[in-house]
Amino acid sequence: MMRSDPSYSPDDLDRAATGREIGTLVASVLIRTHGDADAALALLDDFKTIAPPQEDGELDAVPIAAQAIREALGLGVTPL
């Protein structure tokens, strides 16, 4: 549903920023690890301390990105 009001809540903006971070993290680790999911998960584990959430309730992109990789593996996604 499109909003006619262009204002967004801080929660909306946090979720949008986290979504972008997740996409960037997943793409970056997979590119750097040449599609090796175990290496990608290890690299994400190293990223845990780089940019932790700044406030209570703020989403943490790293564990969400790791879960996205695990879910892709569960669907049978493999490197070409």
N, C-alpha and C. Protein backbone atom coordinates (compact mmCIF):
# COMPACT_ATOMS: atom_id res chain seq x y z
N MET A 1 0.84 -1.18 0.00
CA MET A 1 0.00 0.00 0.00
C MET A 1 0.88 1.24 0.00
N MET A 2 0.63 2.16 -0.89
CA MET A 2 1.39 3.40 -0.98
C MET A 2 0.83 4.40 0.02
N ARG A 3 1.72 5.16 0.63
CA ARG A 3 1.30 6.20 1.55
C ARG A 3 1.16 7.51 0.79
N SER A 4 0.15 8.27 1.14
CA SER A 4 0.03 9.60 0.56
C SER A 4 0.83 10.59 1.41
N ASP A 5 1.05 10.24 2.67
CA ASP A 5 1.83 11.07 3.59
C ASP A 5 3.29 10.66 3.49
N PRO A 6 4.18 11.59 3.08
CA PRO A 6 5.59 11.21 2.89
C PRO A 6 6.38 11.06 4.18
N SER A 7 5.76 11.25 5.34
CA SER A 7 6.51 11.13 6.59
C SER A 7 6.61 9.67 7.01
N TYR A 8 7.72 9.32 7.60
CA TYR A 8 7.96 7.96 8.06
C TYR A 8 8.39 8.01 9.51
N SER A 9 8.01 6.99 10.25
CA SER A 9 8.38 6.93 11.66
C SER A 9 9.84 6.49 11.78
N PRO A 10 10.45 6.74 12.93
CA PRO A 10 11.81 6.25 13.14
C PRO A 10 11.90 4.73 12.99
N ASP A 11 10.86 4.00 13.37
CA ASP A 11 10.86 2.53 13.20
C ASP A 11 10.88 2.16 11.72
N ASP A 12 10.11 2.89 10.90
CA ASP A 12 10.11 2.65 9.45
C ASP A 12 11.51 2.85 8.89
N LEU A 13 12.14 3.93 9.28
CA LEU A 13 13.48 4.25 8.77
C LEU A 13 14.51 3.24 9.26
N ASP A 14 14.37 2.78 10.51
CA ASP A 14 15.30 1.78 11.04
C ASP A 14 15.17 0.47 10.29
N ARG A 15 13.96 0.05 10.02
CA ARG A 15 13.75 -1.20 9.29
C ARG A 15 14.27 -1.09 7.85
N ALA A 16 14.07 0.04 7.23
CA ALA A 16 14.57 0.23 5.87
C ALA A 16 16.10 0.21 5.85
N ALA A 17 16.72 0.88 6.81
CA ALA A 17 18.18 0.90 6.88
C ALA A 17 18.73 -0.48 7.17
N THR A 18 18.07 -1.21 8.07
CA THR A 18 18.51 -2.56 8.40
C THR A 18 18.37 -3.47 7.19
N GLY A 19 17.28 -3.34 6.46
CA GLY A 19 17.10 -4.14 5.25
C GLY A 19 18.21 -3.91 4.24
N ARG A 20 18.59 -2.65 4.07
CA ARG A 20 19.69 -2.34 3.16
C ARG A 20 21.00 -2.93 3.67
N GLU A 21 21.25 -2.81 4.97
CA GLU A 21 22.46 -3.38 5.56
C GLU A 21 22.51 -4.90 5.36
N ILE A 22 21.38 -5.55 5.55
CA ILE A 22 21.32 -7.00 5.38
C ILE A 22 21.67 -7.38 3.95
N GLY A 23 21.06 -6.73 3.00
CA GLY A 23 21.35 -7.02 1.59
C GLY A 23 22.81 -6.79 1.25
N THR A 24 23.36 -5.70 1.75
CA THR A 24 24.76 -5.38 1.48
C THR A 24 25.68 -6.41 2.13
N LEU A 25 25.38 -6.79 3.38
CA LEU A 25 26.19 -7.79 4.07
C LEU A 25 26.17 -9.13 3.35
N VAL A 26 24.99 -9.60 3.00
CA VAL A 26 24.88 -10.90 2.33
C VAL A 26 25.63 -10.87 1.00
N ALA A 27 25.42 -9.83 0.22
CA ALA A 27 26.11 -9.73 -1.07
C ALA A 27 27.62 -9.67 -0.87
N SER A 28 28.07 -8.87 0.07
CA SER A 28 29.52 -8.70 0.31
C SER A 28 30.18 -10.00 0.73
N VAL A 29 29.57 -10.69 1.70
CA VAL A 29 30.23 -11.91 2.18
C VAL A 29 30.21 -13.00 1.12
N LEU A 30 29.14 -13.08 0.35
CA LEU A 30 29.11 -14.11 -0.69
C LEU A 30 30.09 -13.81 -1.81
N ILE A 31 30.23 -12.54 -2.15
CA ILE A 31 31.22 -12.17 -3.17
C ILE A 31 32.64 -12.47 -2.66
N ARG A 32 32.92 -12.08 -1.43
CA ARG A 32 34.27 -12.27 -0.89
C ARG A 32 34.60 -13.73 -0.63
N THR A 33 33.59 -14.56 -0.42
CA THR A 33 33.85 -15.97 -0.12
C THR A 33 33.54 -16.87 -1.31
N HIS A 34 33.28 -16.30 -2.45
CA HIS A 34 33.05 -17.06 -3.69
C HIS A 34 31.93 -18.09 -3.54
N GLY A 35 30.89 -17.73 -2.80
CA GLY A 35 29.74 -18.61 -2.66
C GLY A 35 29.88 -19.70 -1.61
N ASP A 36 30.95 -19.68 -0.83
CA ASP A 36 31.15 -20.67 0.22
C ASP A 36 30.34 -20.22 1.45
N ALA A 37 29.20 -20.88 1.68
CA ALA A 37 28.30 -20.45 2.75
C ALA A 37 28.96 -20.53 4.12
N ASP A 38 29.77 -21.55 4.38
CA ASP A 38 30.43 -21.64 5.69
C ASP A 38 31.40 -20.48 5.89
N ALA A 39 32.13 -20.13 4.84
CA ALA A 39 33.05 -18.98 4.93
C ALA A 39 32.26 -17.68 5.08
N ALA A 40 31.11 -17.59 4.41
CA ALA A 40 30.28 -16.40 4.53
C ALA A 40 29.78 -16.23 5.96
N LEU A 41 29.32 -17.32 6.56
CA LEU A 41 28.84 -17.26 7.95
C LEU A 41 29.98 -16.91 8.90
N ALA A 42 31.17 -17.43 8.65
CA ALA A 42 32.33 -17.09 9.49
C ALA A 42 32.68 -15.61 9.37
N LEU A 43 32.61 -15.08 8.15
CA LEU A 43 32.91 -13.66 7.94
C LEU A 43 31.87 -12.80 8.64
N LEU A 44 30.60 -13.18 8.55
CA LEU A 44 29.56 -12.43 9.27
C LEU A 44 29.81 -12.47 10.76
N ASP A 45 30.27 -13.60 11.28
CA ASP A 45 30.57 -13.70 12.71
C ASP A 45 31.64 -12.67 13.10
N ASP A 46 32.61 -12.45 12.21
CA ASP A 46 33.64 -11.43 12.46
C ASP A 46 33.06 -10.02 12.45
N PHE A 47 31.95 -9.82 11.73
CA PHE A 47 31.34 -8.49 11.62
C PHE A 47 30.48 -8.13 12.82
N LYS A 48 30.23 -9.06 13.73
CA LYS A 48 29.32 -8.81 14.85
C LYS A 48 29.66 -7.56 15.65
N THR A 49 30.92 -7.25 15.80
CA THR A 49 31.31 -6.12 16.64
C THR A 49 31.53 -4.82 15.86
N ILE A 50 31.41 -4.87 14.55
CA ILE A 50 31.70 -3.68 13.74
C ILE A 50 30.65 -2.60 13.91
N ALA A 51 29.38 -2.95 13.81
CA ALA A 51 28.31 -1.95 13.89
C ALA A 51 27.11 -2.51 14.65
N PRO A 52 27.26 -2.69 15.96
CA PRO A 52 26.13 -3.21 16.73
C PRO A 52 25.01 -2.17 16.81
N PRO A 53 23.79 -2.60 17.12
CA PRO A 53 22.69 -1.64 17.27
C PRO A 53 23.04 -0.56 18.28
N GLN A 54 22.61 0.65 18.00
CA GLN A 54 22.92 1.79 18.85
C GLN A 54 21.89 2.01 19.96
N GLU A 55 20.68 1.50 19.76
CA GLU A 55 19.60 1.73 20.72
C GLU A 55 18.82 0.44 20.96
N ASP A 56 18.14 0.37 22.11
CA ASP A 56 17.25 -0.76 22.37
C ASP A 56 16.18 -0.80 21.30
N GLY A 57 15.87 -1.98 20.82
CA GLY A 57 14.83 -2.12 19.81
C GLY A 57 15.33 -1.96 18.38
N GLU A 58 16.56 -1.50 18.21
CA GLU A 58 17.12 -1.36 16.86
C GLU A 58 17.51 -2.74 16.36
N LEU A 59 17.22 -3.02 15.11
CA LEU A 59 17.52 -4.32 14.54
C LEU A 59 19.02 -4.47 14.27
N ASP A 60 19.55 -5.68 14.48
CA ASP A 60 20.94 -5.98 14.22
C ASP A 60 21.02 -6.75 12.91
N ALA A 61 21.64 -6.15 11.91
CA ALA A 61 21.68 -6.73 10.56
C ALA A 61 22.49 -8.02 10.47
N VAL A 62 23.53 -8.17 11.27
CA VAL A 62 24.43 -9.32 11.13
C VAL A 62 23.72 -10.65 11.38
N PRO A 63 23.03 -10.86 12.51
CA PRO A 63 22.37 -12.15 12.69
C PRO A 63 21.23 -12.38 11.69
N ILE A 64 20.60 -11.31 11.24
CA ILE A 64 19.54 -11.46 10.25
C ILE A 64 20.14 -11.90 8.92
N ALA A 65 21.28 -11.32 8.54
CA ALA A 65 21.96 -11.72 7.31
C ALA A 65 22.42 -13.17 7.39
N ALA A 66 22.94 -13.56 8.54
CA ALA A 66 23.38 -14.96 8.72
C ALA A 66 22.18 -15.91 8.59
N GLN A 67 21.04 -15.53 9.15
CA GLN A 67 19.86 -16.36 9.04
C GLN A 67 19.40 -16.46 7.59
N ALA A 68 19.51 -15.37 6.83
CA ALA A 68 19.14 -15.41 5.41
C ALA A 68 20.00 -16.41 4.65
N ILE A 69 21.29 -16.45 4.96
CA ILE A 69 22.19 -17.41 4.31
C ILE A 69 21.80 -18.83 4.70
N ARG A 70 21.53 -19.06 5.99
CA ARG A 70 21.13 -20.40 6.44
C ARG A 70 19.82 -20.84 5.79
N GLU A 71 18.88 -19.91 5.64
CA GLU A 71 17.61 -20.26 5.01
C GLU A 71 17.81 -20.60 3.54
N ALA A 72 18.70 -19.87 2.85
CA ALA A 72 18.99 -20.19 1.46
C ALA A 72 19.59 -21.58 1.35
N LEU A 73 20.48 -21.93 2.26
CA LEU A 73 21.05 -23.27 2.28
C LEU A 73 19.97 -24.32 2.50
N GLY A 74 19.04 -24.02 3.39
CA GLY A 74 17.94 -24.93 3.67
C GLY A 74 17.03 -25.14 2.46
N LEU A 75 17.01 -24.17 1.57
CA LEU A 75 16.23 -24.30 0.34
C LEU A 75 17.00 -25.02 -0.76
N GLY A 76 18.25 -25.36 -0.44
CA GLY A 76 19.06 -26.10 -1.42
C GLY A 76 19.85 -25.22 -2.36
N VAL A 77 19.97 -23.92 -2.07
CA VAL A 77 20.74 -23.02 -2.93
C VAL A 77 22.22 -23.37 -2.82
N THR A 78 22.87 -23.54 -3.96
CA THR A 78 24.30 -23.85 -3.99
C THR A 78 24.99 -22.96 -5.02
N PRO A 79 26.30 -22.76 -4.89
CA PRO A 79 27.02 -21.96 -5.89
C PRO A 79 26.95 -22.59 -7.27
N LEU A 80 27.01 -21.78 -8.30
CA LEU A 80 27.00 -22.28 -9.67
C LEU A 80 28.33 -22.92 -10.00
